[in-house]
Protein backbone atom coordinates (compact mmCIF):
# COMPACT_ATOMS: atom_id res chain seq x y z
CA MET A 1 4.25 -13.38 -26.78
CA MET A 2 4.85 -13.62 -23.06
CA GLN A 3 8.05 -12.10 -21.76
CA ASP A 4 10.49 -14.66 -20.36
CA ARG A 5 11.48 -12.38 -17.50
CA PRO A 6 9.55 -10.18 -15.06
CA HIS A 7 8.44 -6.70 -16.08
CA THR A 8 11.11 -4.67 -14.31
CA THR A 9 10.66 -1.19 -12.84
CA VAL A 10 13.39 0.88 -11.20
CA VAL A 11 12.19 3.14 -8.37
CA LEU A 12 14.60 5.79 -7.07
CA ALA A 13 14.63 9.18 -5.37
CA MET A 14 17.43 11.60 -6.16
CA SER A 15 18.52 15.14 -5.41
CA ALA A 16 17.95 17.92 -7.94
CA ASP A 17 21.55 17.45 -9.10
CA GLY A 18 21.11 13.71 -9.67
CA LYS A 19 22.56 12.12 -6.53
CA ILE A 20 21.08 9.23 -4.56
CA ALA A 21 23.59 9.54 -1.69
CA ASP A 22 26.27 11.95 -0.53
CA PHE A 23 30.03 11.48 -0.90
CA LYS A 24 30.12 9.42 2.30
CA ARG A 25 27.45 7.15 0.79
CA SER A 26 25.20 7.85 3.75
CA PRO A 27 21.64 6.49 3.55
CA ALA A 28 19.53 8.84 1.44
CA ARG A 29 16.61 9.79 3.64
CA PHE A 30 15.74 13.06 1.94
CA GLY A 31 12.48 11.89 0.34
CA SER A 32 9.25 13.27 1.76
CA ARG A 33 6.25 11.46 3.16
CA ALA A 34 4.70 11.63 -0.32
CA ASP A 35 7.76 9.94 -1.82
CA LYS A 36 7.60 7.21 0.82
CA ALA A 37 3.95 6.61 -0.02
CA HIS A 38 4.81 6.50 -3.72
CA LEU A 39 7.57 3.94 -3.08
CA GLU A 40 5.20 1.84 -1.01
CA ARG A 41 2.66 1.80 -3.86
CA GLN A 42 5.29 0.65 -6.32
CA ILE A 43 6.40 -2.12 -3.98
CA ALA A 44 2.79 -3.18 -3.45
CA ALA A 45 2.40 -3.55 -7.22
CA ALA A 46 5.39 -5.90 -7.43
CA ASP A 47 5.70 -9.64 -6.93
CA ALA A 48 9.31 -9.25 -5.85
CA VAL A 49 11.75 -6.50 -4.88
CA LEU A 50 15.43 -6.58 -5.82
CA ILE A 51 17.97 -4.66 -3.76
CA GLY A 52 21.74 -4.47 -4.06
CA ALA A 53 23.90 -5.47 -1.13
CA ALA A 54 25.55 -2.04 -0.85
CA THR A 55 22.15 -0.38 -0.56
CA LEU A 56 21.08 -2.88 2.09
CA ARG A 57 24.30 -2.33 4.04
CA ALA A 58 23.74 1.45 3.95
CA TYR A 59 20.15 1.33 5.20
CA GLY A 60 20.11 -1.87 7.21
CA THR A 61 16.43 -2.33 6.31
CA THR A 62 14.15 -2.70 3.34
CA MET A 63 10.90 -0.89 2.60
CA ILE A 64 7.84 -2.87 3.63
CA ILE A 65 4.15 -2.29 2.94
CA SER A 66 2.36 -0.85 5.96
CA GLU A 67 -0.59 0.99 4.37
CA PRO A 68 -3.71 -1.05 5.27
CA THR A 69 -5.40 -0.45 1.91
CA LEU A 70 -2.39 -1.75 -0.01
CA LEU A 71 -2.07 -4.77 2.27
CA GLN A 72 -5.76 -5.59 1.89
CA GLN A 73 -5.55 -5.22 -1.88
CA ARG A 74 -2.74 -7.76 -2.06
CA ILE A 75 -4.63 -10.18 0.17
CA THR A 76 -7.78 -9.78 -1.94
CA GLU A 77 -5.71 -10.69 -5.01
CA ASN A 78 -4.44 -13.84 -3.23
CA GLN A 79 -0.95 -12.42 -2.88
CA HIS A 80 1.35 -12.56 0.12
CA PRO A 81 1.03 -9.30 2.13
CA GLN A 82 4.67 -8.50 1.28
CA PRO A 83 6.47 -9.19 -2.00
CA VAL A 84 9.58 -11.34 -1.88
CA HIS A 85 12.66 -9.24 -1.06
CA ILE A 86 15.68 -10.48 -3.01
CA VAL A 87 19.18 -9.34 -2.09
CA ILE A 88 21.68 -9.55 -4.94
CA SER A 89 25.32 -9.84 -3.95
CA HIS A 90 28.38 -11.49 -5.48
CA SER A 91 30.08 -12.03 -2.12
CA ALA A 92 26.93 -12.25 0.06
CA ASN A 93 28.96 -10.47 2.74
CA LEU A 94 26.05 -9.27 4.88
CA ASN A 95 25.77 -8.61 8.58
CA PRO A 96 23.17 -11.04 9.98
CA ASP A 97 22.47 -8.62 12.84
CA ILE A 98 21.01 -5.82 10.71
CA LYS A 99 17.31 -5.07 11.14
CA PHE A 100 16.49 -6.41 7.67
CA PHE A 101 16.74 -9.95 9.00
CA GLN A 102 14.03 -9.25 11.58
CA GLN A 103 11.60 -7.55 9.20
CA PRO A 104 8.39 -9.46 8.34
CA VAL A 105 9.30 -10.28 4.73
CA ARG A 106 10.31 -13.34 2.77
CA ARG A 107 14.04 -13.04 2.12
CA TRP A 108 15.82 -14.57 -0.86
CA LEU A 109 19.49 -14.24 -1.79
CA LEU A 110 20.78 -14.12 -5.37
CA THR A 111 24.49 -14.80 -5.36
CA THR A 112 27.40 -16.87 -6.66
CA SER A 113 28.45 -20.32 -5.49
CA LEU A 114 31.10 -18.65 -3.32
CA GLY A 115 28.57 -16.31 -1.71
CA ALA A 116 26.11 -19.14 -1.16
CA CYS A 117 28.59 -20.98 1.07
CA PHE A 118 27.94 -18.54 3.92
CA TRP A 119 24.15 -18.87 3.88
CA GLN A 120 23.25 -22.43 2.88
CA GLU A 121 22.57 -23.56 6.42
CA GLY A 122 19.90 -22.09 8.66
CA SER A 123 16.71 -20.23 7.81
CA THR A 124 18.00 -16.68 7.37
CA PHE A 125 17.11 -16.75 3.67
CA GLU A 126 14.09 -18.71 2.48
CA LYS A 127 15.88 -19.34 -0.81
CA VAL A 128 19.52 -19.02 -1.88
CA LEU A 129 19.61 -18.70 -5.67
CA VAL A 130 22.86 -19.36 -7.50
CA PHE A 131 23.03 -18.35 -11.15
CA GLU A 132 26.59 -17.98 -12.30
CA THR A 133 28.38 -17.18 -15.54
CA LEU A 134 31.51 -19.00 -16.68
CA THR A 135 33.55 -16.12 -15.25
CA GLY A 136 32.00 -16.42 -11.80
CA GLU A 137 29.67 -13.42 -12.04
CA ILE A 138 25.95 -13.47 -11.27
CA ASP A 139 23.99 -14.45 -14.37
CA ILE A 140 21.21 -11.90 -14.06
CA LEU A 141 19.31 -12.93 -17.19
CA ALA A 142 19.20 -16.59 -16.12
CA ALA A 143 18.04 -15.51 -12.66
CA LEU A 144 15.24 -13.37 -14.12
CA LYS A 145 14.08 -16.23 -16.32
CA TYR A 146 13.93 -18.42 -13.22
CA LEU A 147 11.89 -15.80 -11.35
CA ALA A 148 9.46 -15.67 -14.27
CA SER A 149 9.07 -19.45 -14.05
CA LEU A 150 7.91 -18.93 -10.44
CA GLN A 151 5.13 -16.60 -11.65
CA ILE A 152 7.02 -13.50 -10.55
CA THR A 153 5.79 -11.19 -13.29
CA ARG A 154 6.58 -7.77 -11.84
CA LEU A 155 9.94 -6.87 -10.28
CA ALA A 156 10.81 -3.59 -8.53
CA VAL A 157 14.50 -2.66 -8.44
CA LEU A 158 15.34 -0.29 -5.58
CA GLY A 159 19.04 0.29 -6.24
CA GLY A 160 21.79 0.97 -6.01
CA GLY A 161 23.55 2.58 -8.90
CA GLN A 162 25.74 -0.37 -9.84
CA LEU A 163 22.75 -2.69 -9.98
CA VAL A 164 20.75 -0.27 -12.12
CA ALA A 165 23.74 0.16 -14.45
CA SER A 166 24.07 -3.59 -14.95
CA PHE A 167 20.37 -3.93 -15.74
CA LEU A 168 20.48 -1.05 -18.21
CA ALA A 169 23.58 -2.45 -19.92
CA SER A 170 21.73 -5.75 -20.44
CA ASP A 171 18.48 -4.05 -21.56
CA LEU A 172 16.54 -5.54 -18.66
CA ILE A 173 14.60 -2.48 -17.49
CA ASP A 174 11.10 -1.65 -18.70
CA GLU A 175 10.15 1.41 -16.62
CA ILE A 176 11.80 3.95 -14.36
CA TRP A 177 10.23 6.06 -11.63
CA LEU A 178 12.39 8.98 -10.47
CA THR A 179 11.49 11.33 -7.65
CA ILE A 180 13.35 14.65 -7.86
CA CYS A 181 13.85 16.00 -4.33
CA PRO A 182 14.48 19.70 -3.60
CA LEU A 183 18.11 19.70 -2.43
CA ILE A 184 21.62 19.86 -3.90
CA ILE A 185 24.12 17.25 -2.70
CA GLY A 186 27.06 17.79 -5.06
CA GLY A 187 30.39 16.04 -4.95
CA SER A 188 32.21 14.28 -7.76
CA THR A 189 32.20 11.00 -5.82
CA ALA A 190 28.60 11.14 -4.59
CA THR A 191 26.49 8.24 -5.85
CA SER A 192 24.24 8.68 -8.87
CA PRO A 193 21.25 6.55 -9.93
CA VAL A 194 23.36 4.82 -12.60
CA GLU A 195 26.95 3.96 -11.73
CA GLY A 196 29.28 1.71 -13.74
CA THR A 197 31.32 2.93 -16.68
CA GLY A 198 28.46 4.84 -18.26
CA PHE A 199 27.22 5.00 -21.86
CA LEU A 200 28.42 6.95 -24.87
CA SER A 201 25.72 9.42 -25.87
CA HIS A 202 24.84 7.67 -29.14
CA LEU A 203 24.54 4.33 -27.31
CA ALA A 204 22.73 5.63 -24.22
CA PRO A 205 19.40 4.00 -23.34
CA LYS A 206 16.51 6.16 -24.58
CA LEU A 207 13.43 6.97 -22.52
CA GLN A 208 9.85 7.96 -23.22
CA LEU A 209 8.25 10.19 -20.62
CA LEU A 210 4.91 8.69 -19.58
CA GLU A 211 3.87 10.86 -16.66
CA VAL A 212 4.87 13.92 -14.65
CA SER A 213 3.34 14.96 -11.35
CA THR A 214 4.28 17.41 -8.61
CA VAL A 215 3.54 16.98 -4.93
CA GLU A 216 4.57 20.02 -2.89
CA GLN A 217 8.31 20.44 -3.64
CA GLU A 218 8.95 17.07 -5.31
CA VAL A 219 8.60 16.05 -8.95
CA PHE A 220 7.67 12.49 -9.88
CA LEU A 221 8.82 11.32 -13.31
CA HIS A 222 7.66 8.09 -14.92
CA TYR A 223 9.54 6.78 -17.97
CA ARG A 224 9.54 3.69 -20.08
CA LEU A 225 12.62 2.36 -21.83
CA LEU A 226 12.56 2.50 -25.62
CA ARG A 227 13.80 -0.61 -27.37
CA ASN A 228 16.06 -0.42 -30.42
CA ALA A 229 13.23 -1.05 -32.83
CA GLU A 230 11.09 1.79 -31.50
């Protein structure tokens, strides 16, 4: 039976002590060239990329495909050179002057009716998607079903921690790629890959390790999420 949402993969790099940013929430640029290449491959395999507004505000840009082989592969498969880059934000409070809005990608916004008010006019976003629950939150499941109806079958989630937490809580993640980088960040308020309220140990999502590889000082871990019946 076909899945009624895209196959969803989280791709993150973190410090050896499990942080994706320091206590000032500075952009995490500690990944190596190998990690950047790995991220680019994962993006090239996706039909769309989902990024949280806080992550976009921190970096000001998104990751685009620049490797000629990956670009040519997508063109050969009749795909757009870049996957759609979807920003998810309840408020849609984004600075239109950040570099992201000049990057050569198709930009979509997933937001609430309130957030959509700021971006309905103009061509900043190719699409403004509004999927809202009765309580005024973003209806992620409805949005994913809509993406699937557009033949978006593979989705890469690039963070941040709150977004990953919400996807895990709703059992909407299929795979996780984690790059372990050789540094210690520390700090009780530093950002981790999964934010939110957390999970009790007996209710925590379970993983199956699919692959481990080491490139110089970094470790690349590939997991799949185990469903309740497994």
